Amino acid sequence: MILNISKEDKVKYFKNKFKGGIIYKIENTLNGKFYIGSTANLNKRYYTHLTDIRRNKRTCVKLIRAVNKYGEENFTFEILEKCDIDSVLLREQYYLDTLNPEYNISKIAGSNLGIKRTNETKLKKSICQKEKWKDEDYREKHLKALSKNWRKGSSHRMAKLTEEDVVKIKLKLKESISQVEISKELNVSCYTISDIKKGKTWKHVQI
């Protein structure tokens, strides 16, 4: 499943790959609680939210716990406002102040947007990482985690389909069955079907 987006926003912002200042809301349709965020790259931010949710990352903790509890299908992703990148944090702060979202841990708008780290900061981070890498347990754990992302197909930890599902999808595409119909039948997004059709994913499955 994915966070629900209106058809209008899908076309206007996602299909056309809109880039610019955006203020958005992720709302729980079961209890009305929501999260407010801002971004200069909507497509990237949307899929970052999905990845963080599914990996239980320690970002937007309240939101992630809520989505895991109630299910992605019970959350909507809504565009509140389009604005200049320079004013995106000011506009986000306006919505934080006026709407008082329950899933935001901090009520102060903050973003890494446009931040350039100094060479000193980069060097400190590099030295810290090298020291961690010397630890055998850390190194083994890190490599094990990375190896999960190197796997392909149904063995990948983020996989929602099996090789058998993909064969079925490719056969249906050859029969000119619509992507929307296929996505509904297998309970996946149209983007997933589109990527398979274009050969962006599941290239190793041949029919």
C-alpha atoms as a PDB file:
ATOM      1  CA  MET A   1       0.000   0.000   0.000  1.00  0.00           C
ATOM      2  CA  ILE A   2       1.006   3.638  -0.314  1.00  0.00           C
ATOM      3  CA  LEU A   3      -0.079   6.848   1.396  1.00  0.00           C
ATOM      4  CA  ASN A   4      -3.227   7.913  -0.479  1.00  0.00           C
ATOM      5  CA  ILE A   5      -2.915  10.912  -2.807  1.00  0.00           C
ATOM      6  CA  SER A   6      -5.748  12.629  -4.696  1.00  0.00           C
ATOM      7  CA  LYS A   7      -5.843  12.068  -8.460  1.00  0.00           C
ATOM      8  CA  GLU A   8      -5.452  15.812  -9.015  1.00  0.00           C
ATOM      9  CA  ASP A   9      -2.267  15.996  -6.924  1.00  0.00           C
ATOM     10  CA  LYS A  10      -0.873  12.845  -8.561  1.00  0.00           C
ATOM     11  CA  VAL A  11      -1.055  14.474 -11.974  1.00  0.00           C
ATOM     12  CA  LYS A  12      -0.164  18.016 -10.949  1.00  0.00           C
ATOM     13  CA  TYR A  13       2.758  17.280  -8.639  1.00  0.00           C
ATOM     14  CA  PHE A  14       3.921  13.672  -9.018  1.00  0.00           C
ATOM     15  CA  LYS A  15       3.402  12.741 -12.666  1.00  0.00           C
ATOM     16  CA  ASN A  16       4.879  16.078 -13.767  1.00  0.00           C
ATOM     17  CA  LYS A  17       7.677  15.730 -11.186  1.00  0.00           C
ATOM     18  CA  PHE A  18       7.082  19.166  -9.696  1.00  0.00           C
ATOM     19  CA  LYS A  19      10.064  20.760  -7.953  1.00  0.00           C
ATOM     20  CA  GLY A  20       9.660  23.788  -5.734  1.00  0.00           C
ATOM     21  CA  GLY A  21       8.537  24.727  -2.251  1.00  0.00           C
ATOM     22  CA  ILE A  22       5.696  22.551  -0.957  1.00  0.00           C
ATOM     23  CA  ILE A  23       3.901  22.383   2.380  1.00  0.00           C
ATOM     24  CA  TYR A  24       2.140  19.053   2.877  1.00  0.00           C
ATOM     25  CA  LYS A  25       0.014  17.185   5.400  1.00  0.00           C
ATOM     26  CA  ILE A  26      -0.081  13.456   6.169  1.00  0.00           C
ATOM     27  CA  GLU A  27      -3.389  12.713   7.918  1.00  0.00           C
ATOM     28  CA  ASN A  28      -4.774   9.698   9.739  1.00  0.00           C
ATOM     29  CA  THR A  29      -8.297   9.309   8.308  1.00  0.00           C
ATOM     30  CA  LEU A  30      -9.395   7.225  11.298  1.00  0.00           C
ATOM     31  CA  ASN A  31      -8.773   9.783  14.038  1.00  0.00           C
ATOM     32  CA  GLY A  32      -7.983  13.036  12.206  1.00  0.00           C
ATOM     33  CA  LYS A  33      -4.455  13.378  13.625  1.00  0.00           C
ATOM     34  CA  PHE A  34      -1.836  14.609  11.184  1.00  0.00           C
ATOM     35  CA  TYR A  35       1.754  15.615  10.401  1.00  0.00           C
ATOM     36  CA  ILE A  36       2.920  18.830   8.693  1.00  0.00           C
ATOM     37  CA  GLY A  37       6.067  18.934   6.581  1.00  0.00           C
ATOM     38  CA  SER A  38       7.797  20.961   3.880  1.00  0.00           C
ATOM     39  CA  THR A  39      10.111  20.139   1.009  1.00  0.00           C
ATOM     40  CA  ALA A  40      11.755  21.453  -2.157  1.00  0.00           C
ATOM     41  CA  ASN A  41      11.561  18.028  -3.856  1.00  0.00           C
ATOM     42  CA  LEU A  42       8.126  16.500  -3.368  1.00  0.00           C
ATOM     43  CA  ASN A  43       8.691  13.167  -5.138  1.00  0.00           C
ATOM     44  CA  LYS A  44      11.860  12.493  -3.182  1.00  0.00           C
ATOM     45  CA  ARG A  45      10.303  13.498   0.157  1.00  0.00           C
ATOM     46  CA  TYR A  46       7.198  11.351  -0.398  1.00  0.00           C
ATOM     47  CA  TYR A  47       9.189   8.184  -1.069  1.00  0.00           C
ATOM     48  CA  THR A  48      11.617   9.016   1.754  1.00  0.00           C
ATOM     49  CA  HIS A  49       8.621   9.009   4.114  1.00  0.00           C
ATOM     50  CA  LEU A  50       7.570   5.591   2.795  1.00  0.00           C
ATOM     51  CA  THR A  51      11.080   4.172   3.176  1.00  0.00           C
ATOM     52  CA  ASP A  52      11.444   5.557   6.713  1.00  0.00           C
ATOM     53  CA  ILE A  53       8.044   4.144   7.696  1.00  0.00           C
ATOM     54  CA  ARG A  54       8.753   0.670   6.351  1.00  0.00           C
ATOM     55  CA  ARG A  55      12.235   0.544   7.884  1.00  0.00           C
ATOM     56  CA  ASN A  56      11.083   2.010  11.214  1.00  0.00           C
ATOM     57  CA  LYS A  57      13.726   4.718  11.075  1.00  0.00           C
ATOM     58  CA  ARG A  58      14.011   7.085  14.024  1.00  0.00           C
ATOM     59  CA  THR A  59      12.715  10.069  12.071  1.00  0.00           C
ATOM     60  CA  CYS A  60       9.185  11.470  12.460  1.00  0.00           C
ATOM     61  CA  VAL A  61       8.786   8.843  15.187  1.00  0.00           C
ATOM     62  CA  LYS A  62       5.178   9.657  16.122  1.00  0.00           C
ATOM     63  CA  LEU A  63       4.065   9.527  12.499  1.00  0.00           C
ATOM     64  CA  ILE A  64       5.896   6.278  11.766  1.00  0.00           C
ATOM     65  CA  ARG A  65       4.439   4.557  14.837  1.00  0.00           C
ATOM     66  CA  ALA A  66       0.952   5.709  13.865  1.00  0.00           C
ATOM     67  CA  VAL A  67       1.237   4.479  10.266  1.00  0.00           C
ATOM     68  CA  ASN A  68       2.578   1.115  11.447  1.00  0.00           C
ATOM     69  CA  LYS A  69      -0.315   0.859  13.903  1.00  0.00           C
ATOM     70  CA  TYR A  70      -3.198   1.928  11.627  1.00  0.00           C
ATOM     71  CA  GLY A  71      -1.833   0.962   8.175  1.00  0.00           C
ATOM     72  CA  GLU A  72      -0.680   3.070   5.221  1.00  0.00           C
ATOM     73  CA  GLU A  73      -4.092   2.759   3.565  1.00  0.00           C
ATOM     74  CA  ASN A  74      -5.607   4.869   6.358  1.00  0.00           C
ATOM     75  CA  PHE A  75      -3.340   7.864   5.739  1.00  0.00           C
ATOM     76  CA  THR A  76      -3.617  10.574   3.099  1.00  0.00           C
ATOM     77  CA  PHE A  77      -0.850  12.720   1.655  1.00  0.00           C
ATOM     78  CA  GLU A  78      -2.237  16.182   0.880  1.00  0.00           C
ATOM     79  CA  ILE A  79      -0.615  19.274  -0.650  1.00  0.00           C
ATOM     80  CA  LEU A  80      -1.489  22.314   1.451  1.00  0.00           C
ATOM     81  CA  GLU A  81       0.434  25.016  -0.366  1.00  0.00           C
ATOM     82  CA  LYS A  82       2.932  25.679  -3.139  1.00  0.00           C
ATOM     83  CA  CYS A  83       5.429  28.437  -2.335  1.00  0.00           C
ATOM     84  CA  ASP A  84       8.876  29.830  -3.084  1.00  0.00           C
ATOM     85  CA  ILE A  85      11.749  27.732  -1.760  1.00  0.00           C
ATOM     86  CA  ASP A  86      13.071  30.736   0.158  1.00  0.00           C
ATOM     87  CA  SER A  87       9.845  30.998   2.180  1.00  0.00           C
ATOM     88  CA  VAL A  88       9.096  27.292   2.641  1.00  0.00           C
ATOM     89  CA  LEU A  89      10.130  27.169   6.312  1.00  0.00           C
ATOM     90  CA  LEU A  90       8.163  30.321   7.133  1.00  0.00           C
ATOM     91  CA  ARG A  91       5.043  28.821   5.570  1.00  0.00           C
ATOM     92  CA  GLU A  92       5.605  25.502   7.339  1.00  0.00           C
ATOM     93  CA  GLN A  93       5.876  27.375  10.640  1.00  0.00           C
ATOM     94  CA  TYR A  94       2.581  29.124   9.889  1.00  0.00           C
ATOM     95  CA  TYR A  95       0.795  25.771   9.563  1.00  0.00           C
ATOM     96  CA  LEU A  96       2.527  24.367  12.639  1.00  0.00           C
ATOM     97  CA  ASP A  97       1.352  27.351  14.672  1.00  0.00           C
ATOM     98  CA  THR A  98      -2.208  27.478  13.342  1.00  0.00           C
ATOM     99  CA  LEU A  99      -3.038  23.768  12.973  1.00  0.00           C
ATOM    100  CA  ASN A 100      -1.017  22.308  15.881  1.00  0.00           C
ATOM    101  CA  PRO A 101      -0.338  18.858  14.300  1.00  0.00           C
ATOM    102  CA  GLU A 102      -0.277  15.900  16.689  1.00  0.00           C
ATOM    103  CA  TYR A 103       2.381  13.848  14.894  1.00  0.00           C
ATOM    104  CA  ASN A 104       5.081  16.549  14.755  1.00  0.00           C
ATOM    105  CA  ILE A 105       7.531  16.086  17.609  1.00  0.00           C
ATOM    106  CA  SER A 106       9.002  19.571  17.171  1.00  0.00           C
ATOM    107  CA  LYS A 107       6.701  22.525  16.619  1.00  0.00           C
ATOM    108  CA  ILE A 108       9.558  24.589  15.150  1.00  0.00           C
ATOM    109  CA  ALA A 109      10.014  24.335  11.387  1.00  0.00           C
ATOM    110  CA  GLY A 110      13.425  22.981  10.536  1.00  0.00           C
ATOM    111  CA  SER A 111      15.059  21.546   7.452  1.00  0.00           C
ATOM    112  CA  ASN A 112      18.428  20.530   5.988  1.00  0.00           C
ATOM    113  CA  LEU A 113      17.332  22.332   2.823  1.00  0.00           C
ATOM    114  CA  GLY A 114      20.290  24.218   1.357  1.00  0.00           C
ATOM    115  CA  ILE A 115      22.615  23.557   4.323  1.00  0.00           C
ATOM    116  CA  LYS A 116      26.256  23.189   3.275  1.00  0.00           C
ATOM    117  CA  ARG A 117      28.404  21.430   5.844  1.00  0.00           C
ATOM    118  CA  THR A 118      31.857  22.892   6.472  1.00  0.00           C
ATOM    119  CA  ASN A 119      35.016  20.936   5.639  1.00  0.00           C
ATOM    120  CA  GLU A 120      35.680  20.716   9.386  1.00  0.00           C
ATOM    121  CA  THR A 121      32.307  19.023   9.986  1.00  0.00           C
ATOM    122  CA  LYS A 122      32.874  16.634   7.094  1.00  0.00           C
ATOM    123  CA  LEU A 123      36.319  15.724   8.436  1.00  0.00           C
ATOM    124  CA  LYS A 124      34.972  15.047  11.950  1.00  0.00           C
ATOM    125  CA  LYS A 125      32.254  12.808  10.523  1.00  0.00           C
ATOM    126  CA  SER A 126      34.789  10.932   8.400  1.00  0.00           C
ATOM    127  CA  ILE A 127      37.123  10.337  11.352  1.00  0.00           C
ATOM    128  CA  CYS A 128      34.206   9.165  13.511  1.00  0.00           C
ATOM    129  CA  GLN A 129      33.067   6.701  10.842  1.00  0.00           C
ATOM    130  CA  LYS A 130      36.597   5.320  10.409  1.00  0.00           C
ATOM    131  CA  GLU A 131      36.864   4.736  14.161  1.00  0.00           C
ATOM    132  CA  LYS A 132      33.538   2.892  14.178  1.00  0.00           C
ATOM    133  CA  TRP A 133      34.666   0.766  11.236  1.00  0.00           C
ATOM    134  CA  LYS A 134      37.596  -0.547  13.277  1.00  0.00           C
ATOM    135  CA  ASP A 135      35.107  -2.275  15.569  1.00  0.00           C
ATOM    136  CA  GLU A 136      34.534  -5.814  14.252  1.00  0.00           C
ATOM    137  CA  ASP A 137      30.968  -6.125  15.595  1.00  0.00           C
ATOM    138  CA  TYR A 138      29.955  -2.780  14.073  1.00  0.00           C
ATOM    139  CA  ARG A 139      31.531  -3.689  10.736  1.00  0.00           C
ATOM    140  CA  GLU A 140      29.817  -7.089  10.605  1.00  0.00           C
ATOM    141  CA  LYS A 141      26.420  -5.612  11.533  1.00  0.00           C
ATOM    142  CA  HIS A 142      26.800  -2.811   8.978  1.00  0.00           C
ATOM    143  CA  LEU A 143      27.768  -5.148   6.142  1.00  0.00           C
ATOM    144  CA  LYS A 144      24.920  -7.504   7.002  1.00  0.00           C
ATOM    145  CA  ALA A 145      22.433  -4.633   6.816  1.00  0.00           C
ATOM    146  CA  LEU A 146      23.852  -3.467   3.483  1.00  0.00           C
ATOM    147  CA  SER A 147      23.736  -6.969   2.029  1.00  0.00           C
ATOM    148  CA  LYS A 148      19.933  -6.958   2.371  1.00  0.00           C
ATOM    149  CA  ASN A 149      19.798  -4.057  -0.069  1.00  0.00           C
ATOM    150  CA  TRP A 150      22.119  -5.784  -2.539  1.00  0.00           C
ATOM    151  CA  ARG A 151      19.705  -8.671  -2.962  1.00  0.00           C
ATOM    152  CA  LYS A 152      17.269  -8.540  -5.810  1.00  0.00           C
ATOM    153  CA  GLY A 153      13.791  -9.832  -6.393  1.00  0.00           C
ATOM    154  CA  SER A 154      11.670 -11.249  -3.577  1.00  0.00           C
ATOM    155  CA  SER A 155      14.781 -11.710  -1.375  1.00  0.00           C
ATOM    156  CA  HIS A 156      15.141  -7.924  -1.082  1.00  0.00           C
ATOM    157  CA  ARG A 157      13.823  -6.763   2.297  1.00  0.00           C
ATOM    158  CA  MET A 158      11.628  -4.069   0.695  1.00  0.00           C
ATOM    159  CA  ALA A 159      10.081  -6.411  -1.881  1.00  0.00           C
ATOM    160  CA  LYS A 160       6.270  -6.444  -1.961  1.00  0.00           C
ATOM    161  CA  LEU A 161       6.038  -8.868  -4.882  1.00  0.00           C
ATOM    162  CA  THR A 162       7.322 -12.330  -5.701  1.00  0.00           C
ATOM    163  CA  GLU A 163       8.833 -13.501  -8.989  1.00  0.00           C
ATOM    164  CA  GLU A 164       5.535 -15.305  -9.684  1.00  0.00           C
ATOM    165  CA  ASP A 165       3.630 -12.022  -9.225  1.00  0.00           C
ATOM    166  CA  VAL A 166       5.941 -10.251 -11.669  1.00  0.00           C
ATOM    167  CA  VAL A 167       5.516 -12.991 -14.297  1.00  0.00           C
ATOM    168  CA  LYS A 168       1.742 -12.582 -13.942  1.00  0.00           C
ATOM    169  CA  ILE A 169       2.074  -8.793 -14.287  1.00  0.00           C
ATOM    170  CA  LYS A 170       4.226  -9.040 -17.409  1.00  0.00           C
ATOM    171  CA  LEU A 171       1.829 -11.494 -19.022  1.00  0.00           C
ATOM    172  CA  LYS A 172      -1.124  -9.217 -18.285  1.00  0.00           C
ATOM    173  CA  LEU A 173       0.776  -6.236 -19.733  1.00  0.00           C
ATOM    174  CA  LYS A 174       1.379  -8.258 -22.903  1.00  0.00           C
ATOM    175  CA  GLU A 175      -2.362  -8.858 -23.064  1.00  0.00           C
ATOM    176  CA  SER A 176      -2.823  -5.045 -22.974  1.00  0.00           C
ATOM    177  CA  ILE A 177      -4.618  -5.139 -19.605  1.00  0.00           C
ATOM    178  CA  SER A 178      -4.476  -1.663 -18.054  1.00  0.00           C
ATOM    179  CA  GLN A 179      -1.918  -0.869 -15.374  1.00  0.00           C
ATOM    180  CA  VAL A 180      -4.668   0.437 -13.104  1.00  0.00           C
ATOM    181  CA  GLU A 181      -6.557  -2.864 -13.303  1.00  0.00           C
ATOM    182  CA  ILE A 182      -3.399  -4.877 -12.597  1.00  0.00           C
ATOM    183  CA  SER A 183      -2.438  -2.649  -9.658  1.00  0.00           C
ATOM    184  CA  LYS A 184      -5.877  -3.074  -8.070  1.00  0.00           C
ATOM    185  CA  GLU A 185      -5.797  -6.841  -8.495  1.00  0.00           C
ATOM    186  CA  LEU A 186      -2.373  -7.209  -6.849  1.00  0.00           C
ATOM    187  CA  ASN A 187      -2.845  -4.361  -4.347  1.00  0.00           C
ATOM    188  CA  VAL A 188       0.234  -2.401  -5.451  1.00  0.00           C
ATOM    189  CA  SER A 189       0.649   1.100  -6.855  1.00  0.00           C
ATOM    190  CA  CYS A 190       0.447   1.994 -10.537  1.00  0.00           C
ATOM    191  CA  TYR A 191       4.023   3.273 -10.198  1.00  0.00           C
ATOM    192  CA  THR A 192       5.122  -0.271  -9.357  1.00  0.00           C
ATOM    193  CA  ILE A 193       3.448  -1.669 -12.466  1.00  0.00           C
ATOM    194  CA  SER A 194       4.828   1.163 -14.603  1.00  0.00           C
ATOM    195  CA  ASP A 195       8.401   0.547 -13.408  1.00  0.00           C
ATOM    196  CA  ILE A 196       8.086  -3.157 -14.228  1.00  0.00           C
ATOM    197  CA  LYS A 197       6.736  -2.330 -17.695  1.00  0.00           C
ATOM    198  CA  LYS A 198       9.600   0.119 -18.376  1.00  0.00           C
ATOM    199  CA  GLY A 199      12.181  -2.381 -17.122  1.00  0.00           C
ATOM    200  CA  LYS A 200      13.300  -0.174 -14.235  1.00  0.00           C
ATOM    201  CA  THR A 201      12.643  -2.985 -11.735  1.00  0.00           C
ATOM    202  CA  TRP A 202      12.555  -6.786 -11.818  1.00  0.00           C
ATOM    203  CA  LYS A 203      14.733  -6.890 -14.951  1.00  0.00           C
ATOM    204  CA  HIS A 204      15.900 -10.389 -14.075  1.00  0.00           C
ATOM    205  CA  VAL A 205      12.396 -11.830 -14.505  1.00  0.00           C
ATOM    206  CA  GLN A 206      12.015 -12.843 -18.146  1.00  0.00           C
ATOM    207  CA  ILE A 207       8.954 -14.316 -19.883  1.00  0.00           C
END
